[in-house]
C-alpha atoms as a PDB file:
ATOM      1  CA  MET A   1     117.097 104.118 198.610  1.00  0.00           C
ATOM      2  CA  SER A   2     115.888 100.923 200.215  1.00  0.00           C
ATOM      3  CA  ILE A   3     117.763  99.926 203.234  1.00  0.00           C
ATOM      4  CA  SER A   4     118.755  96.338 202.679  1.00  0.00           C
ATOM      5  CA  LYS A   5     121.892  94.321 203.433  1.00  0.00           C
ATOM      6  CA  ILE A   6     123.861  93.201 200.542  1.00  0.00           C
ATOM      7  CA  SER A   7     125.896  89.764 200.929  1.00  0.00           C
ATOM      8  CA  LEU A   8     129.313  90.263 200.055  1.00  0.00           C
ATOM      9  CA  ASP A   9     132.075  87.636 199.588  1.00  0.00           C
ATOM     10  CA  ASP A  10     135.772  88.230 199.807  1.00  0.00           C
ATOM     11  CA  VAL A  11     136.074  88.745 196.062  1.00  0.00           C
ATOM     12  CA  ASP A  12     133.245  91.401 196.040  1.00  0.00           C
ATOM     13  CA  LYS A  13     134.922  93.238 198.884  1.00  0.00           C
ATOM     14  CA  LYS A  14     138.432  93.268 196.999  1.00  0.00           C
ATOM     15  CA  ILE A  15     136.618  94.606 193.996  1.00  0.00           C
ATOM     16  CA  LEU A  16     134.793  97.261 195.787  1.00  0.00           C
ATOM     17  CA  ASN A  17     137.938  98.388 197.613  1.00  0.00           C
ATOM     18  CA  ALA A  18     139.744  98.443 194.137  1.00  0.00           C
ATOM     19  CA  ILE A  19     137.337 100.290 192.082  1.00  0.00           C
ATOM     20  CA  GLN A  20     137.033 103.341 194.425  1.00  0.00           C
ATOM     21  CA  ILE A  21     140.267 105.165 193.921  1.00  0.00           C
ATOM     22  CA  ASP A  22     142.744 103.975 191.221  1.00  0.00           C
ATOM     23  CA  PHE A  23     140.558 102.724 188.440  1.00  0.00           C
ATOM     24  CA  PRO A  24     142.815 101.973 185.523  1.00  0.00           C
ATOM     25  CA  ILE A  25     142.595 104.449 182.598  1.00  0.00           C
ATOM     26  CA  VAL A  26     143.467 102.167 179.861  1.00  0.00           C
ATOM     27  CA  ASN A  27     141.717 100.687 176.795  1.00  0.00           C
ATOM     28  CA  LYS A  28     140.503  97.595 178.650  1.00  0.00           C
ATOM     29  CA  PRO A  29     140.289  98.707 182.237  1.00  0.00           C
ATOM     30  CA  PHE A  30     138.293  95.593 183.524  1.00  0.00           C
ATOM     31  CA  GLU A  31     140.870  93.495 181.974  1.00  0.00           C
ATOM     32  CA  GLU A  32     143.596  95.383 183.780  1.00  0.00           C
ATOM     33  CA  LEU A  33     141.731  95.373 187.056  1.00  0.00           C
ATOM     34  CA  GLY A  34     141.054  91.816 186.637  1.00  0.00           C
ATOM     35  CA  LYS A  35     144.743  90.989 186.334  1.00  0.00           C
ATOM     36  CA  THR A  36     145.425  92.929 189.603  1.00  0.00           C
ATOM     37  CA  LEU A  37     142.735  91.058 191.337  1.00  0.00           C
ATOM     38  CA  GLY A  38     143.328  87.514 190.027  1.00  0.00           C
ATOM     39  CA  LEU A  39     139.936  87.479 187.891  1.00  0.00           C
ATOM     40  CA  LYS A  40     139.174  87.024 184.352  1.00  0.00           C
ATOM     41  CA  GLU A  41     137.693  90.216 182.709  1.00  0.00           C
ATOM     42  CA  ASP A  42     134.324  88.638 182.071  1.00  0.00           C
ATOM     43  CA  ASP A  43     134.077  87.313 185.666  1.00  0.00           C
ATOM     44  CA  LEU A  44     135.081  90.949 186.959  1.00  0.00           C
ATOM     45  CA  ILE A  45     132.333  92.449 184.670  1.00  0.00           C
ATOM     46  CA  ARG A  46     129.596  90.043 185.874  1.00  0.00           C
ATOM     47  CA  ARG A  47     130.353  90.653 189.589  1.00  0.00           C
ATOM     48  CA  ILE A  48     130.281  94.501 189.005  1.00  0.00           C
ATOM     49  CA  GLN A  49     126.999  94.150 187.239  1.00  0.00           C
ATOM     50  CA  ARG A  50     125.478  92.179 190.131  1.00  0.00           C
ATOM     51  CA  LEU A  51     126.870  94.707 192.619  1.00  0.00           C
ATOM     52  CA  GLN A  52     125.237  97.331 190.596  1.00  0.00           C
ATOM     53  CA  LYS A  53     121.908  95.456 190.411  1.00  0.00           C
ATOM     54  CA  GLU A  54     122.136  94.922 194.197  1.00  0.00           C
ATOM     55  CA  GLY A  55     122.822  98.529 194.931  1.00  0.00           C
ATOM     56  CA  ALA A  56     126.370  98.238 196.202  1.00  0.00           C
ATOM     57  CA  VAL A  57     127.660 100.316 193.202  1.00  0.00           C
ATOM     58  CA  ARG A  58     125.678 103.114 191.589  1.00  0.00           C
ATOM     59  CA  ARG A  59     127.981 104.070 188.905  1.00  0.00           C
ATOM     60  CA  ILE A  60     131.602 103.881 187.713  1.00  0.00           C
ATOM     61  CA  GLY A  61     132.800 107.095 186.149  1.00  0.00           C
ATOM     62  CA  PRO A  62     134.963 109.890 186.542  1.00  0.00           C
ATOM     63  CA  ILE A  63     134.467 112.894 188.956  1.00  0.00           C
ATOM     64  CA  ILE A  64     134.603 115.992 186.913  1.00  0.00           C
ATOM     65  CA  SER A  65     134.866 119.484 188.476  1.00  0.00           C
ATOM     66  CA  THR A  66     131.480 121.056 187.498  1.00  0.00           C
ATOM     67  CA  LYS A  67     132.849 124.604 188.456  1.00  0.00           C
ATOM     68  CA  LYS A  68     135.999 123.981 186.194  1.00  0.00           C
ATOM     69  CA  THR A  69     133.908 123.186 183.322  1.00  0.00           C
ATOM     70  CA  GLY A  70     131.510 126.127 183.746  1.00  0.00           C
ATOM     71  CA  GLY A  71     128.762 124.586 185.575  1.00  0.00           C
ATOM     72  CA  MET A  72     127.638 124.577 189.231  1.00  0.00           C
ATOM     73  CA  GLY A  73     126.743 122.194 192.007  1.00  0.00           C
ATOM     74  CA  THR A  74     125.044 122.284 195.448  1.00  0.00           C
ATOM     75  CA  LEU A  75     124.193 120.135 198.333  1.00  0.00           C
ATOM     76  CA  VAL A  76     120.496 119.684 198.997  1.00  0.00           C
ATOM     77  CA  ALA A  77     118.626 118.454 202.219  1.00  0.00           C
ATOM     78  CA  MET A  78     115.061 117.294 201.933  1.00  0.00           C
ATOM     79  CA  LYS A  79     112.356 116.819 204.572  1.00  0.00           C
ATOM     80  CA  ILE A  80     110.696 113.479 203.568  1.00  0.00           C
ATOM     81  CA  PRO A  81     108.086 111.566 205.541  1.00  0.00           C
ATOM     82  CA  PRO A  82     109.765 108.072 206.576  1.00  0.00           C
ATOM     83  CA  ASP A  83     107.086 106.256 204.844  1.00  0.00           C
ATOM     84  CA  ARG A  84     107.872 108.061 201.422  1.00  0.00           C
ATOM     85  CA  VAL A  85     111.668 107.772 201.504  1.00  0.00           C
ATOM     86  CA  ASP A  86     111.980 105.117 198.847  1.00  0.00           C
ATOM     87  CA  GLU A  87     109.414 106.796 196.781  1.00  0.00           C
ATOM     88  CA  VAL A  88     111.151 110.301 196.829  1.00  0.00           C
ATOM     89  CA  ALA A  89     114.645 108.829 196.568  1.00  0.00           C
ATOM     90  CA  GLY A  90     113.574 107.322 193.326  1.00  0.00           C
ATOM     91  CA  ILE A  91     112.382 110.610 191.898  1.00  0.00           C
ATOM     92  CA  ILE A  92     115.626 112.308 192.932  1.00  0.00           C
ATOM     93  CA  ASN A  93     117.624 109.473 191.261  1.00  0.00           C
ATOM     94  CA  GLU A  94     115.731 110.196 187.919  1.00  0.00           C
ATOM     95  CA  TYR A  95     118.046 113.135 187.485  1.00  0.00           C
ATOM     96  CA  GLU A  96     121.428 112.311 185.747  1.00  0.00           C
ATOM     97  CA  GLU A  97     122.669 115.520 187.415  1.00  0.00           C
ATOM     98  CA  VAL A  98     122.249 113.826 190.883  1.00  0.00           C
ATOM     99  CA  SER A  99     125.519 111.979 191.835  1.00  0.00           C
ATOM    100  CA  HIS A 100     124.401 110.286 195.032  1.00  0.00           C
ATOM    101  CA  ASN A 101     122.034 110.641 197.947  1.00  0.00           C
ATOM    102  CA  TYR A 102     121.923 109.313 201.455  1.00  0.00           C
ATOM    103  CA  LEU A 103     119.645 109.004 204.301  1.00  0.00           C
ATOM    104  CA  ARG A 104     120.468 110.809 207.578  1.00  0.00           C
ATOM    105  CA  PRO A 105     118.752 110.626 211.003  1.00  0.00           C
ATOM    106  CA  ALA A 106     117.548 114.106 211.020  1.00  0.00           C
ATOM    107  CA  ASN A 107     114.544 116.184 210.348  1.00  0.00           C
ATOM    108  CA  PHE A 108     115.881 116.989 206.798  1.00  0.00           C
ATOM    109  CA  ASN A 109     116.678 113.263 206.297  1.00  0.00           C
ATOM    110  CA  VAL A 110     117.706 112.808 202.728  1.00  0.00           C
ATOM    111  CA  TRP A 111     120.681 114.702 201.348  1.00  0.00           C
ATOM    112  CA  PHE A 112     121.990 114.737 197.919  1.00  0.00           C
ATOM    113  CA  THR A 113     124.351 116.569 195.445  1.00  0.00           C
ATOM    114  CA  VAL A 114     123.216 118.086 192.192  1.00  0.00           C
ATOM    115  CA  SER A 115     125.736 119.189 189.488  1.00  0.00           C
ATOM    116  CA  ALA A 116     124.336 121.364 186.519  1.00  0.00           C
ATOM    117  CA  ASN A 117     125.597 122.922 183.532  1.00  0.00           C
ATOM    118  CA  SER A 118     124.101 126.402 184.551  1.00  0.00           C
ATOM    119  CA  GLU A 119     122.425 128.099 187.492  1.00  0.00           C
ATOM    120  CA  GLU A 120     119.297 128.034 185.549  1.00  0.00           C
ATOM    121  CA  ARG A 121     119.262 124.279 185.161  1.00  0.00           C
ATOM    122  CA  LEU A 122     120.150 123.898 188.765  1.00  0.00           C
ATOM    123  CA  THR A 123     117.185 126.090 189.818  1.00  0.00           C
ATOM    124  CA  GLU A 124     114.972 124.185 187.470  1.00  0.00           C
ATOM    125  CA  ILE A 125     115.887 120.881 189.016  1.00  0.00           C
ATOM    126  CA  LEU A 126     115.167 122.038 192.529  1.00  0.00           C
ATOM    127  CA  GLU A 127     111.727 123.495 191.536  1.00  0.00           C
ATOM    128  CA  GLU A 128     110.855 120.340 189.719  1.00  0.00           C
ATOM    129  CA  LEU A 129     111.898 118.279 192.734  1.00  0.00           C
ATOM    130  CA  LYS A 130     109.701 120.522 195.101  1.00  0.00           C
ATOM    131  CA  LYS A 131     106.581 120.213 192.706  1.00  0.00           C
ATOM    132  CA  LYS A 132     107.091 116.577 192.053  1.00  0.00           C
ATOM    133  CA  THR A 133     107.465 115.426 195.636  1.00  0.00           C
ATOM    134  CA  GLY A 134     105.640 118.139 197.690  1.00  0.00           C
ATOM    135  CA  CYS A 135     108.645 118.026 200.102  1.00  0.00           C
ATOM    136  CA  GLU A 136     110.493 120.811 201.692  1.00  0.00           C
ATOM    137  CA  LEU A 137     114.131 121.215 200.491  1.00  0.00           C
ATOM    138  CA  ARG A 138     117.140 123.416 201.426  1.00  0.00           C
ATOM    139  CA  ASN A 139     119.642 124.459 198.872  1.00  0.00           C
ATOM    140  CA  LEU A 140     123.087 124.374 200.664  1.00  0.00           C
ATOM    141  CA  PRO A 141     125.438 125.971 198.006  1.00  0.00           C
ATOM    142  CA  THR A 142     129.167 125.660 198.687  1.00  0.00           C
ATOM    143  CA  LYS A 143     130.629 128.743 200.400  1.00  0.00           C
ATOM    144  CA  ARG A 144     134.219 127.413 200.707  1.00  0.00           C
ATOM    145  CA  LEU A 145     135.335 124.224 199.179  1.00  0.00           C
ATOM    146  CA  PHE A 146     137.365 121.546 201.248  1.00  0.00           C
ATOM    147  CA  LYS A 147     137.916 118.605 198.958  1.00  0.00           C
ATOM    148  CA  ILE A 148     138.796 115.434 200.625  1.00  0.00           C
ATOM    149  CA  GLY A 149     139.006 111.959 199.261  1.00  0.00           C
ATOM    150  CA  VAL A 150     136.684 109.438 200.640  1.00  0.00           C
ATOM    151  CA  LYS A 151     137.338 105.571 200.356  1.00  0.00           C
ATOM    152  CA  PHE A 152     135.332 103.262 202.217  1.00  0.00           C
ATOM    153  CA  ASN A 153     137.388 100.117 203.453  1.00  0.00           C
ATOM    154  CA  ILE A 154     135.176  97.320 202.833  1.00  0.00           C
ATOM    155  CA  LYS A 155     136.044  94.472 205.128  1.00  0.00           C
END
């Protein structure tokens, strides 16, 4: 979770804005999206791969309701010494059950979500993270769900 600035040209910005909400669900989604953006499929794929490598895009995929599929998720806050943020974020990111994490200017400074197929697996992940990092964490399970769509307007 290294904090570095990523250089984006106007085409990169158009791509980032387009892939956030209405990603085409067709046999060749990058070809379809390329047509919309005025790019060839190969060029679009190359740009997205670069954006992933640089950290502007972590993953492209569906958001599936863990609860509706029998699993469970939670929000987690960790208290990480500033000089260990990158190291610990790397450990957190090793878990495919973690969708994203972010740095906050607070005592508990790294927050992330975990979605697991069972309560047992969720508990196992949190215990492993405590053991591997030695950092304090708070499990903040959902009490009442307010689902809002988030779209970042990249300018």
